[in-house]
Amino acid sequence: MNPVTKQYTSMSGINCTIGLPVIRTSVDHGTAYGKAGEGRANEESMLDAIYAAVTVASNWKKYGGAV
């Protein structure tokens, strides 16, 4: 959210697949090929998916799961 205008400049979403023997997260919007090379792509969803996977892995190890 832009702190000055109090409006969102972009949206972010991730997908987490539960029940697999591995941790799987991905961006919710797909590949964004339509934005590629146009300077409109935003890495926010990719970073959120990576951070979510790291958080799940950290908690998984902490609470006795196997990664």
N, C-alpha and C. Protein backbone atom coordinates (compact mmCIF):
# COMPACT_ATOMS: atom_id res chain seq x y z
N MET A 1 0.85 -1.18 0.00
CA MET A 1 0.00 0.00 0.00
C MET A 1 0.89 1.23 0.00
N ASN A 2 0.53 2.18 -0.82
CA ASN A 2 1.24 3.44 -0.86
C ASN A 2 0.88 4.23 0.41
N PRO A 3 1.86 4.56 1.24
CA PRO A 3 1.53 5.25 2.51
C PRO A 3 0.98 6.66 2.31
N VAL A 4 1.26 7.28 1.19
CA VAL A 4 0.78 8.64 0.94
C VAL A 4 -0.66 8.62 0.44
N THR A 5 -0.94 7.80 -0.57
CA THR A 5 -2.28 7.77 -1.17
C THR A 5 -3.21 6.78 -0.48
N LYS A 6 -2.64 5.89 0.34
CA LYS A 6 -3.43 4.85 1.03
C LYS A 6 -4.12 3.91 0.05
N GLN A 7 -3.52 3.74 -1.13
CA GLN A 7 -4.07 2.84 -2.13
C GLN A 7 -3.02 1.81 -2.53
N TYR A 8 -3.51 0.63 -2.94
CA TYR A 8 -2.61 -0.41 -3.40
C TYR A 8 -2.15 -0.11 -4.82
N THR A 9 -0.87 -0.31 -5.08
CA THR A 9 -0.36 -0.11 -6.42
C THR A 9 -0.26 -1.44 -7.17
N SER A 10 -0.34 -2.55 -6.43
CA SER A 10 -0.31 -3.86 -7.06
C SER A 10 -0.97 -4.86 -6.11
N MET A 11 -1.26 -6.03 -6.66
CA MET A 11 -1.84 -7.10 -5.85
C MET A 11 -0.88 -8.28 -5.90
N SER A 12 -0.85 -9.05 -4.84
CA SER A 12 0.02 -10.20 -4.76
C SER A 12 -0.79 -11.40 -4.31
N GLY A 13 -0.43 -12.56 -4.82
CA GLY A 13 -1.12 -13.78 -4.39
C GLY A 13 -0.22 -14.98 -4.61
N ILE A 14 -0.33 -15.94 -3.70
CA ILE A 14 0.46 -17.16 -3.84
C ILE A 14 -0.44 -18.37 -3.69
N ASN A 15 0.07 -19.50 -4.14
CA ASN A 15 -0.63 -20.77 -4.06
C ASN A 15 0.26 -21.72 -3.29
N CYS A 16 -0.29 -22.40 -2.28
CA CYS A 16 0.44 -23.40 -1.51
C CYS A 16 -0.26 -24.73 -1.69
N THR A 17 0.47 -25.75 -2.09
CA THR A 17 -0.09 -27.08 -2.23
C THR A 17 0.20 -27.85 -0.95
N ILE A 18 -0.85 -28.32 -0.31
CA ILE A 18 -0.74 -29.02 0.97
C ILE A 18 -0.84 -30.52 0.74
N GLY A 19 -0.14 -31.31 1.55
CA GLY A 19 -0.28 -32.76 1.50
C GLY A 19 0.78 -33.46 0.66
N LEU A 20 1.72 -32.71 0.10
CA LEU A 20 2.80 -33.32 -0.66
C LEU A 20 3.98 -33.60 0.28
N PRO A 21 4.85 -34.52 -0.10
CA PRO A 21 6.03 -34.77 0.75
C PRO A 21 7.10 -33.68 0.60
N VAL A 22 6.84 -32.68 -0.22
CA VAL A 22 7.74 -31.54 -0.40
C VAL A 22 6.95 -30.25 -0.20
N ILE A 23 7.64 -29.17 0.06
CA ILE A 23 6.99 -27.87 0.19
C ILE A 23 6.86 -27.28 -1.20
N ARG A 24 5.63 -26.88 -1.57
CA ARG A 24 5.40 -26.33 -2.90
C ARG A 24 4.60 -25.04 -2.78
N THR A 25 5.19 -23.95 -3.22
CA THR A 25 4.48 -22.67 -3.33
C THR A 25 4.70 -22.14 -4.74
N SER A 26 3.78 -21.33 -5.21
CA SER A 26 3.93 -20.71 -6.53
C SER A 26 3.15 -19.41 -6.56
N VAL A 27 3.42 -18.61 -7.59
CA VAL A 27 2.65 -17.38 -7.76
C VAL A 27 1.23 -17.75 -8.17
N ASP A 28 0.28 -16.93 -7.81
CA ASP A 28 -1.12 -17.22 -8.07
C ASP A 28 -1.56 -16.77 -9.46
N HIS A 29 -0.79 -15.93 -10.10
CA HIS A 29 -1.22 -15.32 -11.36
C HIS A 29 -0.74 -16.04 -12.61
N GLY A 30 0.05 -17.07 -12.47
CA GLY A 30 0.58 -17.75 -13.65
C GLY A 30 1.90 -17.16 -14.08
N THR A 31 2.24 -17.33 -15.34
CA THR A 31 3.56 -16.94 -15.83
C THR A 31 3.71 -15.46 -16.17
N ALA A 32 2.62 -14.76 -16.38
CA ALA A 32 2.64 -13.33 -16.73
C ALA A 32 3.37 -13.06 -18.04
N TYR A 33 3.26 -13.98 -18.99
CA TYR A 33 3.90 -13.78 -20.29
C TYR A 33 3.42 -12.50 -20.98
N GLY A 34 2.19 -12.11 -20.73
CA GLY A 34 1.66 -10.90 -21.36
C GLY A 34 2.36 -9.63 -20.90
N LYS A 35 3.03 -9.68 -19.76
CA LYS A 35 3.74 -8.51 -19.24
C LYS A 35 5.24 -8.58 -19.49
N ALA A 36 5.73 -9.73 -19.90
CA ALA A 36 7.17 -9.93 -20.06
C ALA A 36 7.74 -8.97 -21.11
N GLY A 37 8.84 -8.33 -20.77
CA GLY A 37 9.52 -7.44 -21.70
C GLY A 37 8.89 -6.08 -21.87
N GLU A 38 7.82 -5.81 -21.14
CA GLU A 38 7.12 -4.52 -21.28
C GLU A 38 7.36 -3.59 -20.09
N GLY A 39 8.10 -4.06 -19.09
CA GLY A 39 8.35 -3.24 -17.91
C GLY A 39 7.17 -3.16 -16.97
N ARG A 40 6.18 -4.03 -17.14
CA ARG A 40 5.00 -4.02 -16.28
C ARG A 40 5.00 -5.15 -15.27
N ALA A 41 5.93 -6.09 -15.39
CA ALA A 41 5.96 -7.24 -14.48
C ALA A 41 6.36 -6.80 -13.08
N ASN A 42 5.88 -7.53 -12.09
CA ASN A 42 6.15 -7.21 -10.69
C ASN A 42 6.57 -8.50 -10.00
N GLU A 43 7.68 -8.44 -9.27
CA GLU A 43 8.21 -9.63 -8.62
C GLU A 43 7.61 -9.91 -7.24
N GLU A 44 6.66 -9.12 -6.79
CA GLU A 44 6.12 -9.23 -5.44
C GLU A 44 5.55 -10.62 -5.14
N SER A 45 4.75 -11.19 -6.03
CA SER A 45 4.17 -12.51 -5.79
C SER A 45 5.24 -13.59 -5.71
N MET A 46 6.26 -13.49 -6.55
CA MET A 46 7.33 -14.48 -6.52
C MET A 46 8.07 -14.43 -5.18
N LEU A 47 8.37 -13.22 -4.71
CA LEU A 47 9.04 -13.08 -3.42
C LEU A 47 8.16 -13.58 -2.29
N ASP A 48 6.87 -13.29 -2.35
CA ASP A 48 5.94 -13.78 -1.31
C ASP A 48 5.90 -15.31 -1.29
N ALA A 49 5.93 -15.95 -2.46
CA ALA A 49 5.92 -17.41 -2.53
C ALA A 49 7.21 -17.99 -1.94
N ILE A 50 8.33 -17.35 -2.21
CA ILE A 50 9.61 -17.80 -1.65
C ILE A 50 9.61 -17.64 -0.14
N TYR A 51 9.17 -16.49 0.35
CA TYR A 51 9.13 -16.25 1.79
C TYR A 51 8.19 -17.23 2.49
N ALA A 52 7.07 -17.55 1.87
CA ALA A 52 6.13 -18.52 2.45
C ALA A 52 6.77 -19.90 2.54
N ALA A 53 7.49 -20.31 1.50
CA ALA A 53 8.16 -21.61 1.51
C ALA A 53 9.22 -21.66 2.60
N VAL A 54 9.97 -20.59 2.76
CA VAL A 54 10.99 -20.54 3.81
C VAL A 54 10.34 -20.61 5.20
N THR A 55 9.24 -19.91 5.39
CA THR A 55 8.53 -19.93 6.66
C THR A 55 7.99 -21.32 6.97
N VAL A 56 7.39 -21.96 5.97
CA VAL A 56 6.87 -23.32 6.17
C VAL A 56 8.01 -24.27 6.50
N ALA A 57 9.13 -24.18 5.77
CA ALA A 57 10.27 -25.06 6.03
C ALA A 57 10.82 -24.86 7.43
N SER A 58 10.91 -23.62 7.85
CA SER A 58 11.43 -23.32 9.18
C SER A 58 10.52 -23.91 10.26
N ASN A 59 9.23 -23.72 10.10
CA ASN A 59 8.28 -24.25 11.09
C ASN A 59 8.18 -25.76 11.03
N TRP A 60 8.31 -26.32 9.83
CA TRP A 60 8.24 -27.77 9.65
C TRP A 60 9.37 -28.44 10.43
N LYS A 61 10.57 -27.93 10.29
CA LYS A 61 11.71 -28.47 11.03
C LYS A 61 11.54 -28.25 12.53
N LYS A 62 11.07 -27.08 12.91
CA LYS A 62 10.91 -26.71 14.30
C LYS A 62 9.93 -27.62 15.02
N TYR A 63 8.86 -28.02 14.33
CA TYR A 63 7.81 -28.81 14.97
C TYR A 63 7.88 -30.30 14.63
N GLY A 64 9.02 -30.76 14.14
CA GLY A 64 9.24 -32.21 13.98
C GLY A 64 8.87 -32.82 12.67
N GLY A 65 8.54 -32.05 11.66
CA GLY A 65 8.25 -32.60 10.35
C GLY A 65 9.55 -32.90 9.61
N ALA A 66 9.45 -33.53 8.49
CA ALA A 66 10.63 -33.83 7.67
C ALA A 66 10.53 -33.02 6.39
N VAL A 67 11.59 -32.39 6.03
CA VAL A 67 11.62 -31.61 4.79
C VAL A 67 12.24 -32.43 3.70
